[in-house]
């Protein structure tokens, strides 16, 4: 089974047309990883890494909008306010869930969501292996190494607005 990795989309953001900085919103852990530092060496000439303590925790707690999230985003992005910014990279798998809040606070910025590149890659692999389903009439099984009630609630909350006819099943992944 192929393994597809997730990393901040610094490369596609840096290749976008226009002038200005690329803001990379991510956890402190992501921003200090050797893999990210290599991305910065290669594509980060105009990148501004912004550590976002507390943001992932909001999403995991099921807080996707409202004063708590908007206040946190406003504080986290205060360091780049007034700077010429051409794009914001959502550098954590949790951040696309709150992208609408970022867009509401900073409507002129291009938001780069690495999930779309991952989806395209998965689709390509499934097509190449003739495994792409015509319709989704199967169960959607979510595996997690920490199958907490918060995780289940978060997934259900995210997906309830996307598609109400999804069949969801959750399984613990023993590593």
N, C-alpha and C. Protein backbone atom coordinates (compact mmCIF):
# COMPACT_ATOMS: atom_id res chain seq x y z
N UNK A 1 0.84 -1.16 0.00
CA UNK A 1 0.00 0.00 0.00
C UNK A 1 0.90 1.24 0.00
N UNK A 2 0.66 2.16 -0.91
CA UNK A 2 1.46 3.39 -0.95
C UNK A 2 1.19 4.26 0.28
N UNK A 3 2.22 4.92 0.74
CA UNK A 3 2.10 5.88 1.83
C UNK A 3 2.32 7.27 1.24
N UNK A 4 1.38 8.15 1.49
CA UNK A 4 1.45 9.50 0.94
C UNK A 4 1.65 10.46 2.11
N UNK A 5 2.75 11.18 2.06
CA UNK A 5 3.09 12.08 3.15
C UNK A 5 2.45 13.44 3.01
N UNK A 6 2.30 14.10 4.13
CA UNK A 6 1.72 15.44 4.16
C UNK A 6 2.81 16.40 4.63
N UNK A 7 2.97 17.48 3.91
CA UNK A 7 3.93 18.51 4.32
C UNK A 7 3.36 19.87 3.94
N UNK A 8 3.82 20.92 4.61
CA UNK A 8 3.33 22.25 4.25
C UNK A 8 3.60 22.55 2.76
N UNK A 9 2.63 23.14 2.10
CA UNK A 9 2.69 23.39 0.67
C UNK A 9 3.49 24.65 0.33
N UNK A 10 4.70 24.70 0.82
CA UNK A 10 5.56 25.86 0.59
C UNK A 10 5.95 25.97 -0.89
N UNK A 11 6.25 24.86 -1.53
CA UNK A 11 6.66 24.90 -2.94
C UNK A 11 5.56 25.50 -3.83
N UNK A 12 4.33 24.96 -3.83
CA UNK A 12 3.32 25.57 -4.71
C UNK A 12 3.01 27.01 -4.36
N UNK A 13 3.07 27.36 -3.09
CA UNK A 13 2.81 28.74 -2.69
C UNK A 13 3.91 29.67 -3.18
N UNK A 14 5.16 29.21 -3.11
CA UNK A 14 6.27 30.06 -3.55
C UNK A 14 6.25 30.27 -5.06
N UNK A 15 5.64 29.35 -5.79
CA UNK A 15 5.57 29.46 -7.25
C UNK A 15 4.37 30.27 -7.74
N UNK A 16 3.52 30.70 -6.83
CA UNK A 16 2.37 31.52 -7.22
C UNK A 16 2.86 32.84 -7.80
N UNK A 17 2.13 33.37 -8.77
CA UNK A 17 2.53 34.67 -9.32
C UNK A 17 2.33 35.78 -8.29
N UNK A 18 3.06 36.84 -8.48
CA UNK A 18 2.90 38.00 -7.62
C UNK A 18 4.05 38.16 -6.65
N UNK A 19 4.06 39.33 -6.05
CA UNK A 19 5.10 39.66 -5.07
C UNK A 19 4.54 39.50 -3.67
N UNK A 20 5.43 39.41 -2.74
CA UNK A 20 5.03 39.33 -1.34
C UNK A 20 5.52 38.06 -0.69
N UNK A 21 5.31 38.02 0.60
CA UNK A 21 5.75 36.89 1.40
C UNK A 21 4.75 35.75 1.34
N UNK A 22 5.25 34.56 1.63
CA UNK A 22 4.40 33.38 1.83
C UNK A 22 4.44 33.09 3.32
N UNK A 23 3.30 33.22 3.96
CA UNK A 23 3.19 32.93 5.39
C UNK A 23 2.87 31.45 5.54
N UNK A 24 3.65 30.76 6.36
CA UNK A 24 3.42 29.34 6.61
C UNK A 24 2.93 29.19 8.04
N UNK A 25 1.64 28.93 8.18
CA UNK A 25 1.06 28.69 9.49
C UNK A 25 1.22 27.22 9.82
N UNK A 26 1.85 26.92 10.95
CA UNK A 26 2.06 25.52 11.32
C UNK A 26 2.34 25.43 12.81
N UNK A 27 2.37 24.21 13.29
CA UNK A 27 2.73 24.00 14.69
C UNK A 27 4.23 24.22 14.85
N UNK A 28 4.65 24.50 16.06
CA UNK A 28 6.08 24.66 16.35
C UNK A 28 6.84 23.39 15.94
N UNK A 29 6.24 22.23 16.21
CA UNK A 29 6.86 20.95 15.87
C UNK A 29 7.14 20.87 14.37
N UNK A 30 6.16 21.21 13.55
CA UNK A 30 6.34 21.15 12.09
C UNK A 30 7.44 22.11 11.64
N UNK A 31 7.42 23.32 12.18
CA UNK A 31 8.37 24.35 11.74
C UNK A 31 9.81 24.04 12.14
N UNK A 32 10.01 23.12 13.05
CA UNK A 32 11.37 22.79 13.48
C UNK A 32 11.85 21.45 12.96
N UNK A 33 11.03 20.76 12.19
CA UNK A 33 11.40 19.45 11.64
C UNK A 33 12.43 19.61 10.51
N UNK A 34 13.40 18.71 10.42
CA UNK A 34 14.39 18.77 9.33
C UNK A 34 13.76 18.81 7.94
N UNK A 35 12.66 18.08 7.75
CA UNK A 35 11.99 18.06 6.45
C UNK A 35 11.50 19.47 6.07
N UNK A 36 10.90 20.17 7.03
CA UNK A 36 10.44 21.53 6.75
C UNK A 36 11.62 22.47 6.53
N UNK A 37 12.66 22.32 7.32
CA UNK A 37 13.84 23.17 7.16
C UNK A 37 14.47 22.99 5.77
N UNK A 38 14.43 21.77 5.24
CA UNK A 38 14.91 21.54 3.86
C UNK A 38 14.01 22.25 2.85
N UNK A 39 12.69 22.20 3.08
CA UNK A 39 11.76 22.94 2.21
C UNK A 39 12.07 24.43 2.25
N UNK A 40 12.35 24.95 3.43
CA UNK A 40 12.67 26.37 3.57
C UNK A 40 13.94 26.73 2.80
N UNK A 41 14.96 25.86 2.87
CA UNK A 41 16.20 26.12 2.13
C UNK A 41 15.93 26.20 0.63
N UNK A 42 15.04 25.34 0.16
CA UNK A 42 14.79 25.26 -1.28
C UNK A 42 13.79 26.29 -1.80
N UNK A 43 12.70 26.50 -1.04
CA UNK A 43 11.61 27.34 -1.55
C UNK A 43 11.24 28.50 -0.63
N UNK A 44 11.97 28.69 0.45
CA UNK A 44 11.55 29.65 1.46
C UNK A 44 12.20 31.01 1.43
N UNK A 45 12.69 31.44 0.27
CA UNK A 45 13.36 32.74 0.21
C UNK A 45 12.44 33.86 0.69
N UNK A 46 11.16 33.78 0.38
CA UNK A 46 10.20 34.81 0.78
C UNK A 46 9.16 34.26 1.75
N UNK A 47 9.55 33.25 2.53
CA UNK A 47 8.60 32.62 3.44
C UNK A 47 8.75 33.15 4.86
N UNK A 48 7.64 33.26 5.54
CA UNK A 48 7.61 33.68 6.93
C UNK A 48 6.90 32.59 7.74
N UNK A 49 7.67 31.74 8.41
CA UNK A 49 7.03 30.72 9.26
C UNK A 49 6.36 31.38 10.46
N UNK A 50 5.12 30.98 10.73
CA UNK A 50 4.37 31.52 11.86
C UNK A 50 3.92 30.36 12.74
N UNK A 51 4.57 30.17 13.89
CA UNK A 51 4.10 29.12 14.81
C UNK A 51 2.71 29.48 15.33
N UNK A 52 1.86 28.48 15.43
CA UNK A 52 0.46 28.72 15.80
C UNK A 52 0.04 27.91 17.03
N UNK A 53 0.65 28.19 18.19
CA UNK A 53 0.25 27.45 19.39
C UNK A 53 -1.22 27.71 19.73
N UNK A 54 -1.91 26.63 20.03
CA UNK A 54 -3.31 26.74 20.42
C UNK A 54 -4.31 26.52 19.30
N UNK A 55 -3.89 26.69 18.07
CA UNK A 55 -4.84 26.58 16.95
C UNK A 55 -5.27 25.13 16.71
N UNK A 56 -4.31 24.22 16.67
CA UNK A 56 -4.64 22.80 16.51
C UNK A 56 -5.53 22.34 17.66
N UNK A 57 -5.23 22.80 18.86
CA UNK A 57 -5.99 22.40 20.04
C UNK A 57 -7.45 22.88 19.95
N UNK A 58 -7.67 24.06 19.39
CA UNK A 58 -9.05 24.53 19.18
C UNK A 58 -9.81 23.57 18.27
N UNK A 59 -9.19 23.21 17.16
CA UNK A 59 -9.84 22.31 16.20
C UNK A 59 -10.12 20.96 16.86
N UNK A 60 -9.14 20.43 17.57
CA UNK A 60 -9.33 19.13 18.22
C UNK A 60 -10.42 19.18 19.28
N UNK A 61 -10.63 20.34 19.87
CA UNK A 61 -11.69 20.50 20.86
C UNK A 61 -13.05 20.76 20.21
N UNK A 62 -13.08 20.84 18.87
CA UNK A 62 -14.33 21.08 18.16
C UNK A 62 -14.71 22.54 18.07
N UNK A 63 -13.77 23.43 18.37
CA UNK A 63 -14.03 24.88 18.27
C UNK A 63 -13.50 25.34 16.92
N UNK A 64 -14.40 25.46 15.95
CA UNK A 64 -14.01 25.79 14.58
C UNK A 64 -14.22 27.25 14.23
N UNK A 65 -14.98 27.97 15.02
CA UNK A 65 -15.26 29.37 14.71
C UNK A 65 -15.63 30.09 16.00
N UNK A 66 -15.87 31.38 15.85
CA UNK A 66 -16.28 32.17 17.00
C UNK A 66 -15.14 33.02 17.55
N UNK A 67 -15.42 33.75 18.62
CA UNK A 67 -14.45 34.71 19.16
C UNK A 67 -13.12 34.08 19.56
N UNK A 68 -13.15 32.86 20.11
CA UNK A 68 -11.90 32.22 20.55
C UNK A 68 -10.96 31.97 19.37
N UNK A 69 -11.50 31.41 18.29
CA UNK A 69 -10.68 31.11 17.12
C UNK A 69 -10.26 32.40 16.41
N UNK A 70 -11.20 33.31 16.22
CA UNK A 70 -10.88 34.55 15.52
C UNK A 70 -9.87 35.40 16.29
N UNK A 71 -10.00 35.44 17.61
CA UNK A 71 -9.04 36.18 18.44
C UNK A 71 -7.66 35.56 18.37
N UNK A 72 -7.61 34.23 18.41
CA UNK A 72 -6.33 33.53 18.32
C UNK A 72 -5.68 33.77 16.96
N UNK A 73 -6.45 33.66 15.88
CA UNK A 73 -5.91 33.92 14.54
C UNK A 73 -5.40 35.35 14.42
N UNK A 74 -6.16 36.27 14.96
CA UNK A 74 -5.76 37.68 14.89
C UNK A 74 -4.42 37.89 15.61
N UNK A 75 -4.26 37.28 16.78
CA UNK A 75 -2.99 37.41 17.53
C UNK A 75 -1.84 36.71 16.80
N UNK A 76 -2.12 35.50 16.28
CA UNK A 76 -1.05 34.74 15.62
C UNK A 76 -0.56 35.43 14.35
N UNK A 77 -1.47 36.06 13.63
CA UNK A 77 -1.10 36.69 12.36
C UNK A 77 -0.76 38.18 12.51
N UNK A 78 -0.76 38.68 13.73
CA UNK A 78 -0.44 40.09 13.97
C UNK A 78 0.97 40.43 13.48
N UNK A 79 1.89 39.48 13.57
CA UNK A 79 3.28 39.75 13.17
C UNK A 79 3.42 40.01 11.67
N UNK A 80 2.45 39.60 10.88
CA UNK A 80 2.56 39.80 9.42
C UNK A 80 1.56 40.85 8.92
N UNK A 81 0.76 41.39 9.83
CA UNK A 81 -0.21 42.41 9.43
C UNK A 81 0.53 43.63 8.87
N UNK A 82 0.08 44.10 7.75
CA UNK A 82 0.69 45.26 7.12
C UNK A 82 1.85 44.91 6.20
N UNK A 83 2.28 43.67 6.20
CA UNK A 83 3.37 43.25 5.31
C UNK A 83 2.78 42.81 3.98
N UNK A 84 3.55 42.90 2.90
CA UNK A 84 3.05 42.41 1.62
C UNK A 84 3.06 40.88 1.60
N UNK A 85 1.89 40.27 1.72
CA UNK A 85 1.75 38.82 1.77
C UNK A 85 0.95 38.37 0.55
N UNK A 86 1.50 37.41 -0.19
CA UNK A 86 0.77 36.91 -1.36
C UNK A 86 0.00 35.63 -1.08
N UNK A 87 0.41 34.88 -0.05
CA UNK A 87 -0.28 33.62 0.23
C UNK A 87 -0.04 33.18 1.67
N UNK A 88 -1.00 32.41 2.16
CA UNK A 88 -0.89 31.78 3.47
C UNK A 88 -0.99 30.28 3.26
N UNK A 89 0.03 29.56 3.72
CA UNK A 89 0.04 28.09 3.63
C UNK A 89 -0.53 27.53 4.92
N UNK A 90 -1.52 26.66 4.79
CA UNK A 90 -2.07 25.96 5.94
C UNK A 90 -1.18 24.74 6.18
N UNK A 91 -0.25 24.88 7.11
CA UNK A 91 0.79 23.88 7.30
C UNK A 91 0.50 22.84 8.35
N UNK A 92 -0.76 22.65 8.69
CA UNK A 92 -1.16 21.61 9.65
C UNK A 92 -2.44 20.99 9.11
N UNK A 93 -2.58 19.70 9.27
CA UNK A 93 -3.76 19.01 8.75
C UNK A 93 -5.06 19.51 9.38
N UNK A 94 -4.97 20.16 10.53
CA UNK A 94 -6.15 20.67 11.20
C UNK A 94 -6.63 22.02 10.63
N UNK A 95 -5.72 22.79 10.06
CA UNK A 95 -6.02 24.17 9.71
C UNK A 95 -7.03 24.35 8.56
N UNK A 96 -7.10 23.45 7.58
CA UNK A 96 -8.14 23.64 6.55
C UNK A 96 -9.56 23.70 7.12
N UNK A 97 -9.74 23.10 8.28
CA UNK A 97 -11.07 23.11 8.90
C UNK A 97 -11.48 24.53 9.27
N UNK A 98 -10.52 25.40 9.55
CA UNK A 98 -10.84 26.77 9.95
C UNK A 98 -10.44 27.79 8.89
N UNK A 99 -10.23 27.33 7.67
CA UNK A 99 -9.79 28.24 6.60
C UNK A 99 -10.77 29.38 6.35
N UNK A 100 -12.06 29.13 6.53
CA UNK A 100 -13.04 30.19 6.31
C UNK A 100 -12.84 31.34 7.29
N UNK A 101 -12.39 31.04 8.50
CA UNK A 101 -12.10 32.10 9.47
C UNK A 101 -10.92 32.94 9.02
N UNK A 102 -9.91 32.29 8.49
CA UNK A 102 -8.73 33.01 7.99
C UNK A 102 -9.14 33.88 6.81
N UNK A 103 -9.96 33.33 5.92
CA UNK A 103 -10.41 34.08 4.75
C UNK A 103 -11.27 35.28 5.16
N UNK A 104 -12.06 35.12 6.20
CA UNK A 104 -12.90 36.22 6.68
C UNK A 104 -12.05 37.34 7.27
N UNK A 105 -10.99 36.97 8.00
CA UNK A 105 -10.12 37.97 8.60
C UNK A 105 -9.19 38.63 7.58
N UNK A 106 -8.77 37.85 6.58
CA UNK A 106 -7.82 38.34 5.58
C UNK A 106 -8.32 37.96 4.19
N UNK A 107 -9.38 38.62 3.71
CA UNK A 107 -10.03 38.21 2.47
C UNK A 107 -9.17 38.35 1.21
N UNK A 108 -8.16 39.18 1.24
CA UNK A 108 -7.37 39.39 0.03
C UNK A 108 -6.25 38.37 -0.14
N UNK A 109 -6.02 37.53 0.86
CA UNK A 109 -4.92 36.57 0.78
C UNK A 109 -5.33 35.28 0.09
N UNK A 110 -4.40 34.72 -0.65
CA UNK A 110 -4.58 33.40 -1.26
C UNK A 110 -4.26 32.36 -0.19
N UNK A 111 -5.19 31.44 0.05
CA UNK A 111 -4.99 30.37 1.02
C UNK A 111 -4.54 29.12 0.27
N UNK A 112 -3.40 28.55 0.65
CA UNK A 112 -2.88 27.35 0.01
C UNK A 112 -3.12 26.18 0.95
N UNK A 113 -3.98 25.28 0.50
CA UNK A 113 -4.39 24.12 1.28
C UNK A 113 -3.74 22.87 0.69
N UNK A 114 -2.77 22.25 1.38
CA UNK A 114 -2.08 21.10 0.82
C UNK A 114 -2.98 19.88 0.64
N UNK A 115 -4.15 19.90 1.23
CA UNK A 115 -5.06 18.77 1.11
C UNK A 115 -5.44 18.50 -0.35
N UNK A 116 -5.56 19.56 -1.14
CA UNK A 116 -5.96 19.37 -2.53
C UNK A 116 -4.90 18.62 -3.33
N UNK A 117 -3.63 18.90 -3.07
CA UNK A 117 -2.56 18.17 -3.74
C UNK A 117 -2.55 16.70 -3.31
N UNK A 118 -2.82 16.47 -2.03
CA UNK A 118 -2.87 15.10 -1.52
C UNK A 118 -4.03 14.34 -2.16
N UNK A 119 -5.18 14.98 -2.26
CA UNK A 119 -6.35 14.35 -2.88
C UNK A 119 -6.05 13.99 -4.33
N UNK A 120 -5.42 14.89 -5.07
CA UNK A 120 -5.09 14.61 -6.47
C UNK A 120 -4.13 13.43 -6.58
N UNK A 121 -3.16 13.35 -5.67
CA UNK A 121 -2.20 12.24 -5.68
C UNK A 121 -2.88 10.91 -5.37
N UNK A 122 -3.77 10.90 -4.37
CA UNK A 122 -4.50 9.69 -4.02
C UNK A 122 -5.37 9.24 -5.19
N UNK A 123 -6.05 10.18 -5.82
CA UNK A 123 -6.90 9.84 -6.96
C UNK A 123 -6.06 9.24 -8.08
N UNK A 124 -4.89 9.82 -8.35
CA UNK A 124 -4.00 9.30 -9.39
C UNK A 124 -3.59 7.86 -9.09
N UNK A 125 -3.22 7.58 -7.85
CA UNK A 125 -2.81 6.22 -7.47
C UNK A 125 -3.98 5.25 -7.62
N UNK A 126 -5.16 5.65 -7.14
CA UNK A 126 -6.33 4.79 -7.25
C UNK A 126 -6.69 4.51 -8.71
N UNK A 127 -6.59 5.52 -9.56
CA UNK A 127 -6.86 5.33 -11.00
C UNK A 127 -5.83 4.39 -11.62
N UNK A 128 -4.56 4.60 -11.29
CA UNK A 128 -3.50 3.75 -11.84
C UNK A 128 -3.66 2.29 -11.44
N UNK A 129 -4.18 2.07 -10.24
CA UNK A 129 -4.37 0.70 -9.73
C UNK A 129 -5.78 0.18 -10.01
N UNK A 130 -6.57 0.95 -10.75
CA UNK A 130 -7.96 0.60 -11.07
C UNK A 130 -8.77 0.33 -9.80
N UNK A 131 -8.61 1.18 -8.81
CA UNK A 131 -9.30 1.04 -7.53
C UNK A 131 -10.27 2.18 -7.24
N UNK A 132 -10.39 3.11 -8.17
CA UNK A 132 -11.25 4.27 -7.94
C UNK A 132 -12.71 3.87 -8.11
N UNK A 133 -13.51 4.05 -7.08
CA UNK A 133 -14.93 3.69 -7.12
C UNK A 133 -15.71 4.71 -7.95
N UNK A 134 -16.71 4.21 -8.65
CA UNK A 134 -17.60 5.10 -9.41
C UNK A 134 -18.43 5.97 -8.46
N UNK A 135 -18.98 5.33 -7.43
CA UNK A 135 -19.79 6.03 -6.44
C UNK A 135 -19.34 5.60 -5.06
N UNK A 136 -19.62 6.43 -4.10
CA UNK A 136 -19.24 6.09 -2.73
C UNK A 136 -20.43 5.44 -2.02
N UNK A 137 -20.55 4.13 -2.19
CA UNK A 137 -21.62 3.41 -1.50
C UNK A 137 -21.03 2.50 -0.42
N UNK A 138 -19.81 2.79 -0.03
CA UNK A 138 -19.10 1.98 0.95
C UNK A 138 -19.00 2.73 2.28
N UNK A 139 -18.58 1.98 3.28
CA UNK A 139 -18.33 2.59 4.57
C UNK A 139 -17.09 3.47 4.49
N UNK A 140 -17.09 4.52 5.25
CA UNK A 140 -15.91 5.37 5.40
C UNK A 140 -15.32 5.04 6.75
N UNK A 141 -14.16 4.41 6.75
CA UNK A 141 -13.53 3.98 7.99
C UNK A 141 -12.38 4.93 8.31
N UNK A 142 -12.41 5.47 9.52
CA UNK A 142 -11.36 6.37 9.97
C UNK A 142 -10.52 5.64 11.01
N UNK A 143 -9.22 5.57 10.74
CA UNK A 143 -8.29 4.93 11.66
C UNK A 143 -7.53 6.03 12.39
N UNK A 144 -7.35 5.85 13.66
CA UNK A 144 -6.60 6.82 14.45
C UNK A 144 -5.81 6.09 15.52
N UNK A 145 -4.60 6.58 15.79
CA UNK A 145 -3.80 5.98 16.84
C UNK A 145 -4.28 6.42 18.22
N UNK A 146 -5.05 7.49 18.28
CA UNK A 146 -5.64 7.96 19.53
C UNK A 146 -7.12 8.21 19.27
N UNK A 147 -7.89 7.16 19.35
CA UNK A 147 -9.31 7.24 19.01
C UNK A 147 -10.11 7.77 20.19
N UNK A 148 -10.02 9.07 20.38
CA UNK A 148 -10.70 9.71 21.50
C UNK A 148 -12.10 10.15 21.07
N UNK A 149 -12.90 10.45 22.05
CA UNK A 149 -14.24 10.95 21.78
C UNK A 149 -14.18 12.29 21.03
N UNK A 150 -13.18 13.13 21.37
CA UNK A 150 -13.01 14.41 20.67
C UNK A 150 -12.75 14.19 19.19
N UNK A 151 -11.91 13.19 18.85
CA UNK A 151 -11.61 12.91 17.45
C UNK A 151 -12.88 12.50 16.70
N UNK A 152 -13.63 11.58 17.28
CA UNK A 152 -14.86 11.12 16.64
C UNK A 152 -15.83 12.28 16.46
N UNK A 153 -15.99 13.09 17.49
CA UNK A 153 -16.90 14.24 17.40
C UNK A 153 -16.43 15.24 16.34
N UNK A 154 -15.11 15.46 16.27
CA UNK A 154 -14.57 16.39 15.28
C UNK A 154 -14.88 15.91 13.86
N UNK A 155 -14.61 14.64 13.58
CA UNK A 155 -14.86 14.10 12.24
C UNK A 155 -16.35 14.17 11.92
N UNK A 156 -17.18 13.78 12.86
CA UNK A 156 -18.62 13.83 12.61
C UNK A 156 -19.09 15.26 12.36
N UNK A 157 -18.57 16.20 13.11
CA UNK A 157 -18.97 17.60 12.93
C UNK A 157 -18.51 18.14 11.58
N UNK A 158 -17.30 17.80 11.18
CA UNK A 158 -16.79 18.25 9.89
C UNK A 158 -17.62 17.68 8.76
N UNK A 159 -17.90 16.41 8.82
CA UNK A 159 -18.57 15.73 7.71
C UNK A 159 -20.08 15.91 7.69
N UNK A 160 -20.68 16.27 8.81
CA UNK A 160 -22.13 16.43 8.80
C UNK A 160 -22.56 17.56 7.89
N UNK A 161 -21.72 18.56 7.69
CA UNK A 161 -22.08 19.65 6.80
C UNK A 161 -21.70 19.33 5.36
N UNK A 162 -20.80 18.38 5.18
CA UNK A 162 -20.36 18.03 3.83
C UNK A 162 -21.35 17.08 3.15
N UNK A 163 -21.68 15.98 3.83
CA UNK A 163 -22.56 14.97 3.25
C UNK A 163 -23.27 14.24 4.37
N UNK A 164 -24.56 14.28 4.36
CA UNK A 164 -25.29 13.67 5.46
C UNK A 164 -25.51 12.17 5.28
N UNK A 165 -25.27 11.63 4.09
CA UNK A 165 -25.53 10.21 3.86
C UNK A 165 -24.29 9.33 4.00
N UNK A 166 -23.23 9.85 4.59
CA UNK A 166 -22.02 9.07 4.78
C UNK A 166 -22.20 8.04 5.89
N UNK A 167 -21.66 6.86 5.66
CA UNK A 167 -21.62 5.83 6.70
C UNK A 167 -20.24 5.89 7.31
N UNK A 168 -20.17 6.23 8.60
CA UNK A 168 -18.88 6.40 9.26
C UNK A 168 -18.62 5.27 10.24
N UNK A 169 -17.38 4.81 10.25
CA UNK A 169 -16.95 3.81 11.21
C UNK A 169 -15.57 4.22 11.68
N UNK A 170 -15.32 4.04 12.96
CA UNK A 170 -14.04 4.45 13.54
C UNK A 170 -13.35 3.23 14.14
N UNK A 171 -12.05 3.12 13.88
CA UNK A 171 -11.26 2.01 14.41
C UNK A 171 -9.94 2.53 14.99
N UNK A 172 -9.54 1.93 16.06
CA UNK A 172 -8.27 2.29 16.68
C UNK A 172 -7.13 1.63 15.90
N UNK A 173 -6.09 2.37 15.65
CA UNK A 173 -4.93 1.87 14.93
C UNK A 173 -3.81 1.63 15.94
N UNK A 174 -3.49 0.38 16.15
CA UNK A 174 -2.41 0.03 17.07
C UNK A 174 -1.09 0.11 16.34
N UNK A 175 -0.23 1.00 16.80
CA UNK A 175 1.09 1.15 16.17
C UNK A 175 2.15 0.38 16.90
